[in-house]
C-alpha cells in the first residue's frame, strides 16, 4: 500500500472531513485489519492537538459472540462504545476486514439481537449528530478480503479506493469543495419541493419530503463521498419499490428485494435470496419498518458495484433508501437500532419527479 496515499487520507479526514481542533476528544475505531489506518489517523489528530482515544474491534471476538452468545449477551449494550460516544467531539471509523464472509453461517435472529445491542449507543450517536455536538466520518481501508469481495486484486482495489477519494490529485480538498458547489444547486432545488415520485422497473413510489432538509454530502460524513440525502416524512411514503443490487448486511447477501409500502410502513417484503434475513431485520424494532433515508448517488467516477455500500450508494445514477434510523440533522424522527441501505439503479429507464416536475432521468439530473 502507498504510504503517501494513506498519509494523505489521514490528513484529509482530520483537517477537512471533521476539522479537528486543539483540545478536542477524537475517537478512532476500526477492526484489527486496519491498524495501519488507525496509526496514521491518530498521528494526524495528535498533530492537530487532539486527545486521541482508539478502539480496535477484534473480528474473532465478534465471531465467538455471534456463535456462542446467548440472547442476553447478544442484546447487551456495548458499554465502552456508549461511554465514548457520549464524550467524544469527533468519531472517525474505517471499514476494512480480514474476512467479509465471517457471518455467512450465523442465523438471522442472532444478527438481529446483535443489532439491538447497538441501540443504546446509536440513540446517543443520532442525537449528537443531529445537534452538531458530534462530528463523524467513515472511510475504507483497503484489505485483501474487501478487494476479493469487489473482485479485484489488492493493488486494483487500492487504486479504486484512493481514486474514488480523489487522493491522486494534488489538492483533493479543493476538488471536494467544487463537488459541494455542484451538488448544492440540486439541494436548493429539492428543498423547495414537497414530494418526490420515483419510477423505475417494478418501482412506483412517492416520498414526502416537505419540511425536511436535504444534506449535501461531500466528504464530511463519508469519505469518499458523493450523494445528497434527506429523511422522508415518516408516514408519507407510499407505493412499491424493487432494489436492483444485492443488499449486504453484516456480510450476508439479500438479493431481489421488493417492498410494498403504505403510509410509510413496509407491509410486504420479499427477496429472491435471503428473504428470511430481510424479514427478521424488518422486525428489529418498531422503527425498522419505516424509512430513515432517501438519497441520490452523485459520484459519476464510481460506476462499479463492489458489494460495499460506502462506494455503491454513491454510484452516479443510483438512488438508495434505508430502513430504520433517520437523520435528525435532516429533520428525521424515526428511531431504530438499524439503518440499512438498499440500492436502486436508475440509469436504464429511471425517472424522478419533484412536485410533478421531471428533474431526473436515466441516472442524471436534467435541471
Protein backbone atom coordinates (compact mmCIF):
# COMPACT_ATOMS: atom_id res chain seq x y z
CA UNK A 1 0.00 0.00 0.00
CA UNK A 2 1.18 3.51 -0.74
CA UNK A 3 2.20 5.25 2.48
CA UNK A 4 1.69 8.51 0.62
CA UNK A 5 -1.96 7.72 -0.09
CA UNK A 6 -2.63 6.60 3.49
CA UNK A 7 -0.97 9.73 4.86
CA UNK A 8 -2.99 11.93 2.52
CA UNK A 9 -6.21 10.13 3.53
CA UNK A 10 -5.43 10.77 7.20
CA UNK A 11 -4.72 14.44 6.52
CA UNK A 12 -7.96 14.93 4.59
CA UNK A 13 -10.06 13.13 7.21
CA UNK A 14 -8.63 15.05 10.16
CA UNK A 15 -8.29 18.50 8.62
CA UNK A 16 -11.19 18.58 6.14
CA UNK A 17 -13.82 15.92 6.86
CA UNK A 18 -14.14 16.55 10.60
CA UNK A 19 -11.88 19.63 11.03
CA UNK A 20 -10.26 18.55 14.31
CA UNK A 21 -9.49 21.42 16.70
CA UNK A 22 -6.93 21.57 19.52
CA UNK A 23 -8.22 20.10 22.76
CA UNK A 24 -11.00 18.01 21.19
CA UNK A 25 -11.51 14.35 22.05
CA UNK A 26 -11.19 12.17 18.94
CA UNK A 27 -12.24 8.51 18.86
CA UNK A 28 -10.58 6.45 16.12
CA UNK A 29 -12.05 2.99 15.55
CA UNK A 30 -11.63 0.05 13.16
CA UNK A 31 -11.01 -3.68 13.06
CA UNK A 32 -7.52 -5.03 13.63
CA UNK A 33 -7.07 -5.37 9.86
CA UNK A 34 -6.96 -1.56 9.68
CA UNK A 35 -4.35 -0.94 12.39
CA UNK A 36 -2.17 0.98 9.89
CA UNK A 37 -5.08 3.34 9.26
CA UNK A 38 -5.67 3.87 12.99
CA UNK A 39 -2.00 4.73 13.48
CA UNK A 40 -1.91 7.16 10.54
CA UNK A 41 -5.10 8.97 11.59
CA UNK A 42 -4.04 9.08 15.25
CA UNK A 43 -0.74 10.70 14.27
CA UNK A 44 -2.53 13.38 12.25
CA UNK A 45 -5.08 14.03 15.01
CA UNK A 46 -2.34 14.36 17.63
CA UNK A 47 -0.54 16.85 15.37
CA UNK A 48 -3.80 18.81 15.30
CA UNK A 49 -3.75 18.96 19.12
CA UNK A 50 -6.47 16.38 19.83
CA UNK A 51 -6.88 13.99 22.75
CA UNK A 52 -6.93 10.65 20.92
CA UNK A 53 -8.77 7.51 22.03
CA UNK A 54 -8.65 4.31 19.97
CA UNK A 55 -10.92 1.27 19.78
CA UNK A 56 -9.86 -1.87 17.93
CA UNK A 57 -12.68 -4.28 17.09
CA UNK A 58 -11.48 -7.89 17.09
CA UNK A 59 -13.12 -9.92 14.36
CA UNK A 60 -12.59 -13.26 16.14
CA UNK A 61 -14.27 -11.97 19.31
CA UNK A 62 -17.26 -10.77 17.27
CA UNK A 63 -17.41 -14.19 15.64
CA UNK A 64 -17.33 -16.01 19.00
CA UNK A 65 -20.07 -13.79 20.41
CA UNK A 66 -22.36 -14.42 17.44
CA UNK A 67 -21.63 -18.13 17.51
CA UNK A 68 -21.92 -18.85 21.23
CA UNK A 69 -23.63 -15.81 22.74
CA UNK A 70 -27.00 -16.16 24.45
CA UNK A 71 -29.87 -13.79 23.72
CA UNK A 72 -28.92 -11.76 26.79
CA UNK A 73 -25.27 -11.50 25.76
CA UNK A 74 -26.04 -10.56 22.17
CA UNK A 75 -28.52 -7.83 23.05
CA UNK A 76 -26.45 -6.36 25.90
CA UNK A 77 -25.40 -2.76 25.30
CA UNK A 78 -21.79 -2.01 24.37
CA UNK A 79 -20.64 -0.13 27.45
CA UNK A 80 -17.29 1.20 26.19
CA UNK A 81 -18.80 2.31 22.87
CA UNK A 82 -21.67 4.07 24.64
CA UNK A 83 -19.38 5.84 27.12
CA UNK A 84 -17.02 7.20 24.49
CA UNK A 85 -19.77 8.28 22.08
CA UNK A 86 -21.20 10.34 24.95
CA UNK A 87 -17.92 12.22 25.42
CA UNK A 88 -16.11 12.41 22.08
CA UNK A 89 -16.18 15.51 19.90
CA UNK A 90 -15.15 13.56 16.81
CA UNK A 91 -15.53 9.92 15.77
CA UNK A 92 -13.55 8.52 12.83
CA UNK A 93 -14.16 4.95 11.66
CA UNK A 94 -12.83 2.74 8.88
CA UNK A 95 -14.34 -0.31 7.26
CA UNK A 96 -11.84 -2.99 6.35
CA UNK A 97 -11.76 -6.61 7.47
CA UNK A 98 -9.87 -9.87 7.21
CA UNK A 99 -12.99 -11.84 6.29
CA UNK A 100 -16.09 -10.37 4.67
CA UNK A 101 -17.86 -13.75 4.99
CA UNK A 102 -17.38 -14.22 8.73
CA UNK A 103 -21.13 -14.03 9.38
CA UNK A 104 -22.25 -16.22 6.48
CA UNK A 105 -23.41 -19.10 8.69
CA UNK A 106 -24.84 -17.01 11.53
CA UNK A 107 -28.62 -17.34 11.86
CA UNK A 108 -30.58 -14.13 11.13
CA UNK A 109 -32.08 -13.96 14.64
CA UNK A 110 -28.61 -13.65 16.18
CA UNK A 111 -27.67 -10.82 13.82
CA UNK A 112 -30.89 -9.05 14.83
CA UNK A 113 -30.08 -9.42 18.55
CA UNK A 114 -26.54 -8.10 17.99
CA UNK A 115 -28.04 -5.07 16.24
CA UNK A 116 -30.30 -4.46 19.24
CA UNK A 117 -27.19 -4.39 21.41
CA UNK A 118 -26.13 -1.28 19.49
CA UNK A 119 -29.37 0.58 20.11
CA UNK A 120 -28.25 2.47 23.25
CA UNK A 121 -25.12 3.98 21.74
CA UNK A 122 -26.82 4.52 18.37
CA UNK A 123 -29.50 6.64 20.05
CA UNK A 124 -26.81 8.87 21.55
CA UNK A 125 -24.97 8.99 18.21
CA UNK A 126 -28.12 10.06 16.34
CA UNK A 127 -28.96 12.77 18.86
CA UNK A 128 -25.44 14.19 18.94
CA UNK A 129 -25.05 14.10 15.17
CA UNK A 130 -28.39 15.86 14.94
CA UNK A 131 -27.49 18.71 17.28
CA UNK A 132 -23.93 19.02 15.90
CA UNK A 133 -22.12 18.13 19.12
CA UNK A 134 -20.53 15.07 17.48
CA UNK A 135 -18.80 15.00 14.09
CA UNK A 136 -18.37 11.61 12.42
CA UNK A 137 -16.84 10.36 9.21
CA UNK A 138 -16.42 6.81 7.94
CA UNK A 139 -13.97 5.63 5.30
CA UNK A 140 -12.49 2.46 3.81
CA UNK A 141 -9.12 0.86 4.47
CA UNK A 142 -8.26 -1.48 1.58
CA UNK A 143 -7.71 -5.10 2.67
CA UNK A 144 -7.31 -8.36 0.76
CA UNK A 145 -10.75 -9.53 1.90
CA UNK A 146 -12.52 -6.36 0.74
CA UNK A 147 -10.62 -6.49 -2.55
CA UNK A 148 -11.79 -10.07 -3.09
CA UNK A 149 -15.37 -9.03 -2.31
CA UNK A 150 -15.08 -6.38 -5.02
CA UNK A 151 -13.49 -8.93 -7.40
CA UNK A 152 -10.23 -7.01 -7.64
CA UNK A 153 -6.60 -7.57 -6.72
CA UNK A 154 -5.42 -5.64 -3.67
CA UNK A 155 -3.47 -3.16 -5.79
CA UNK A 156 -6.51 -2.62 -8.06
CA UNK A 157 -8.71 -2.09 -5.02
CA UNK A 158 -6.26 0.38 -3.50
CA UNK A 159 -6.31 2.35 -6.74
CA UNK A 160 -10.12 2.23 -6.73
CA UNK A 161 -10.48 3.33 -3.08
CA UNK A 162 -7.97 6.15 -3.21
CA UNK A 163 -9.02 7.21 -6.69
CA UNK A 164 -12.66 7.48 -5.57
CA UNK A 165 -11.46 9.82 -2.82
CA UNK A 166 -9.57 11.95 -5.39
CA UNK A 167 -6.40 11.38 -3.36
CA UNK A 168 -4.33 11.17 -6.55
CA UNK A 169 -4.91 14.89 -7.06
CA UNK A 170 -2.51 17.47 -5.75
CA UNK A 171 -5.29 19.18 -3.79
CA UNK A 172 -8.16 16.75 -3.12
CA UNK A 173 -9.83 19.15 -0.68
CA UNK A 174 -10.23 21.79 -3.39
CA UNK A 175 -11.80 19.13 -5.64
CA UNK A 176 -14.31 18.14 -2.95
CA UNK A 177 -15.19 21.79 -2.38
CA UNK A 178 -16.05 22.08 -6.10
CA UNK A 179 -18.23 18.97 -5.80
CA UNK A 180 -20.05 20.68 -2.93
CA UNK A 181 -20.80 23.67 -5.16
CA UNK A 182 -22.16 21.46 -7.96
CA UNK A 183 -24.36 19.44 -5.61
CA UNK A 184 -25.66 22.49 -3.78
CA UNK A 185 -27.82 23.59 -6.72
CA UNK A 186 -29.61 20.22 -6.60
CA UNK A 187 -30.06 20.54 -2.84
CA UNK A 188 -31.56 24.01 -3.18
CA UNK A 189 -33.92 22.79 -5.91
CA UNK A 190 -35.17 19.85 -3.85
CA UNK A 191 -35.54 21.78 -0.60
CA UNK A 192 -38.25 23.85 -2.28
CA UNK A 193 -40.23 20.68 -3.14
CA UNK A 194 -42.78 18.69 -1.16
CA UNK A 195 -42.85 15.25 -2.79
CA UNK A 196 -40.59 13.00 -4.84
CA UNK A 197 -42.08 10.44 -7.24
CA UNK A 198 -39.71 7.61 -8.07
CA UNK A 199 -40.43 5.50 -11.17
CA UNK A 200 -38.33 2.62 -12.49
CA UNK A 201 -38.60 -1.08 -13.29
CA UNK A 202 -41.06 -2.63 -10.80
CA UNK A 203 -40.94 0.64 -8.86
CA UNK A 204 -43.54 3.35 -8.36
CA UNK A 205 -43.05 5.16 -5.09
CA UNK A 206 -43.97 8.57 -3.69
CA UNK A 207 -41.83 10.02 -0.91
CA UNK A 208 -42.96 13.09 1.03
CA UNK A 209 -40.05 15.39 1.91
CA UNK A 210 -41.92 18.58 2.85
CA UNK A 211 -40.22 20.36 5.73
CA UNK A 212 -37.16 18.12 5.62
CA UNK A 213 -33.60 19.30 4.99
CA UNK A 214 -31.50 17.93 2.13
CA UNK A 215 -27.86 17.27 3.04
CA UNK A 216 -25.02 17.98 0.63
CA UNK A 217 -22.65 15.09 1.27
CA UNK A 218 -19.18 15.90 0.01
CA UNK A 219 -16.63 14.15 2.22
CA UNK A 220 -17.75 15.37 5.63
CA UNK A 221 -19.59 12.22 6.79
CA UNK A 222 -18.34 9.57 4.37
CA UNK A 223 -15.05 9.52 2.52
CA UNK A 224 -15.10 9.10 -0.41
CA UNK A 225 -18.47 10.69 -0.91
CA UNK A 226 -20.94 11.96 -3.46
CA UNK A 227 -24.63 11.95 -2.58
CA UNK A 228 -27.46 14.20 -1.49
CA UNK A 229 -29.89 12.82 1.04
CA UNK A 230 -32.78 13.54 3.35
CA UNK A 231 -35.07 11.73 5.80
CA UNK A 232 -38.60 11.21 4.45
CA UNK A 233 -41.71 12.21 6.37
CA UNK A 234 -42.19 9.00 8.34
CA UNK A 235 -45.80 8.19 7.44
CA UNK A 236 -45.76 9.64 3.92
CA UNK A 237 -44.05 7.01 1.78
CA UNK A 238 -46.39 5.01 -0.46
CA UNK A 239 -46.17 2.54 -3.33
CA UNK A 240 -43.73 -0.23 -4.20
CA UNK A 241 -40.01 -0.42 -4.88
CA UNK A 242 -37.55 -3.00 -6.24
CA UNK A 243 -33.88 -2.75 -5.36
CA UNK A 244 -31.61 -3.61 -8.26
CA UNK A 245 -28.43 -4.60 -6.48
CA UNK A 246 -27.93 -7.11 -3.66
CA UNK A 247 -28.29 -5.74 -0.15
CA UNK A 248 -25.38 -6.60 2.14
CA UNK A 249 -25.99 -6.80 5.89
CA UNK A 250 -23.14 -7.77 8.23
CA UNK A 251 -21.55 -9.68 5.35
CA UNK A 252 -24.74 -11.58 4.38
CA UNK A 253 -26.38 -11.09 0.98
CA UNK A 254 -30.04 -10.39 0.23
CA UNK A 255 -30.94 -10.33 -3.47
CA UNK A 256 -34.02 -9.24 -5.43
CA UNK A 257 -35.52 -7.13 -2.64
CA UNK A 258 -39.11 -5.97 -3.24
CA UNK A 259 -41.07 -3.85 -0.75
CA UNK A 260 -44.62 -2.57 -0.69
CA UNK A 261 -45.17 0.49 1.48
CA UNK A 262 -48.31 2.09 2.88
CA UNK A 263 -48.32 5.25 4.98
CA UNK A 264 -44.59 4.92 5.47
CA UNK A 265 -44.63 1.33 6.74
CA UNK A 266 -43.33 -1.72 4.87
CA UNK A 267 -46.36 -4.01 4.65
CA UNK A 268 -44.99 -6.61 2.20
CA UNK A 269 -41.37 -7.73 1.81
CA UNK A 270 -39.85 -10.40 -0.39
CA UNK A 271 -36.45 -11.35 -1.78
CA UNK A 272 -35.13 -13.91 -4.23
CA UNK A 273 -32.32 -14.78 -1.83
CA UNK A 274 -32.04 -14.11 1.91
CA UNK A 275 -35.73 -13.37 2.44
CA UNK A 276 -35.59 -14.82 5.97
CA UNK A 277 -32.93 -12.28 6.97
CA UNK A 278 -34.83 -9.44 5.31
CA UNK A 279 -37.96 -10.22 7.31
CA UNK A 280 -36.03 -10.60 10.56
CA UNK A 281 -34.37 -7.21 10.03
CA UNK A 282 -37.76 -5.58 9.49
CA UNK A 283 -38.81 -6.91 12.90
CA UNK A 284 -35.78 -5.49 14.73
CA UNK A 285 -37.90 -2.85 16.48
CA UNK A 286 -40.85 -0.51 15.88
CA UNK A 287 -38.81 1.80 13.62
CA UNK A 288 -37.33 -0.88 11.37
CA UNK A 289 -40.33 -1.00 9.00
CA UNK A 290 -40.12 2.73 8.26
CA UNK A 291 -37.61 4.62 6.11
CA UNK A 292 -34.92 6.77 7.64
CA UNK A 293 -33.20 7.94 4.45
CA UNK A 294 -33.85 8.76 0.81
CA UNK A 295 -30.72 9.60 -1.20
CA UNK A 296 -29.37 10.15 -4.71
CA UNK A 297 -25.87 8.96 -5.66
CA UNK A 298 -23.89 11.68 -7.43
CA UNK A 299 -20.34 10.32 -7.78
CA UNK A 300 -20.11 9.55 -11.51
CA UNK A 301 -16.48 8.49 -11.04
CA UNK A 302 -17.85 5.41 -9.25
CA UNK A 303 -19.69 3.15 -11.70
CA UNK A 304 -18.71 -0.32 -10.48
CA UNK A 305 -20.69 -2.31 -7.90
CA UNK A 306 -18.28 -3.55 -5.21
CA UNK A 307 -20.60 -5.03 -2.56
CA UNK A 308 -19.53 -2.20 -0.26
CA UNK A 309 -22.24 0.38 0.39
CA UNK A 310 -19.73 3.13 1.21
CA UNK A 311 -18.98 3.18 -2.53
CA UNK A 312 -22.07 1.58 -4.05
CA UNK A 313 -24.55 4.09 -2.62
CA UNK A 314 -22.51 6.88 -4.20
CA UNK A 315 -22.67 5.43 -7.73
CA UNK A 316 -23.76 8.23 -10.03
CA UNK A 317 -27.14 7.27 -11.47
CA UNK A 318 -28.50 5.39 -8.45
CA UNK A 319 -30.95 6.02 -5.63
CA UNK A 320 -30.77 4.40 -2.22
CA UNK A 321 -33.18 4.16 0.67
CA UNK A 322 -32.53 2.99 4.20
CA UNK A 323 -34.95 1.33 6.55
CA UNK A 324 -34.67 2.29 10.20
CA UNK A 325 -32.86 5.10 11.94
CA UNK A 326 -33.21 8.53 10.35
CA UNK A 327 -31.00 11.61 10.37
CA UNK A 328 -32.06 14.25 12.91
CA UNK A 329 -29.95 16.81 11.04
CA UNK A 330 -32.30 16.28 8.07
CA UNK A 331 -35.38 16.53 10.28
CA UNK A 332 -35.89 12.77 10.61
CA UNK A 333 -37.78 11.47 13.62
CA UNK A 334 -37.73 7.69 13.08
CA UNK A 335 -35.62 5.85 15.63
CA UNK A 336 -34.30 2.32 15.26
CA UNK A 337 -31.31 0.16 16.14
CA UNK A 338 -30.90 -0.47 12.42
CA UNK A 339 -30.02 1.77 9.49
CA UNK A 340 -29.69 -0.37 6.36
CA UNK A 341 -29.28 0.96 2.83
CA UNK A 342 -30.72 -0.64 -0.32
CA UNK A 343 -29.73 0.43 -3.81
CA UNK A 344 -31.79 1.05 -6.97
CA UNK A 345 -30.17 1.56 -10.39
CA UNK A 346 -31.83 4.43 -12.30
CA UNK A 347 -29.51 4.52 -15.31
CA UNK A 348 -31.58 2.44 -17.72
CA UNK A 349 -35.10 3.85 -17.53
CA UNK A 350 -35.44 5.53 -14.14
CA UNK A 351 -37.27 8.82 -13.66
CA UNK A 352 -37.88 11.12 -10.73
CA UNK A 353 -40.40 13.91 -10.40
CA UNK A 354 -40.47 16.67 -7.79
CA UNK A 355 -43.99 18.03 -7.24
CA UNK A 356 -44.87 16.64 -10.67
CA UNK A 357 -41.86 18.13 -12.49
CA UNK A 358 -39.42 15.73 -14.16
CA UNK A 359 -35.97 16.60 -12.82
CA UNK A 360 -34.03 13.34 -13.15
CA UNK A 361 -33.95 10.82 -15.98
CA UNK A 362 -31.82 7.78 -16.83
CA UNK A 363 -29.49 8.37 -13.91
CA UNK A 364 -28.89 12.10 -14.41
CA UNK A 365 -30.25 15.42 -13.23
CA UNK A 366 -31.83 17.32 -16.10
CA UNK A 367 -32.41 20.60 -14.27
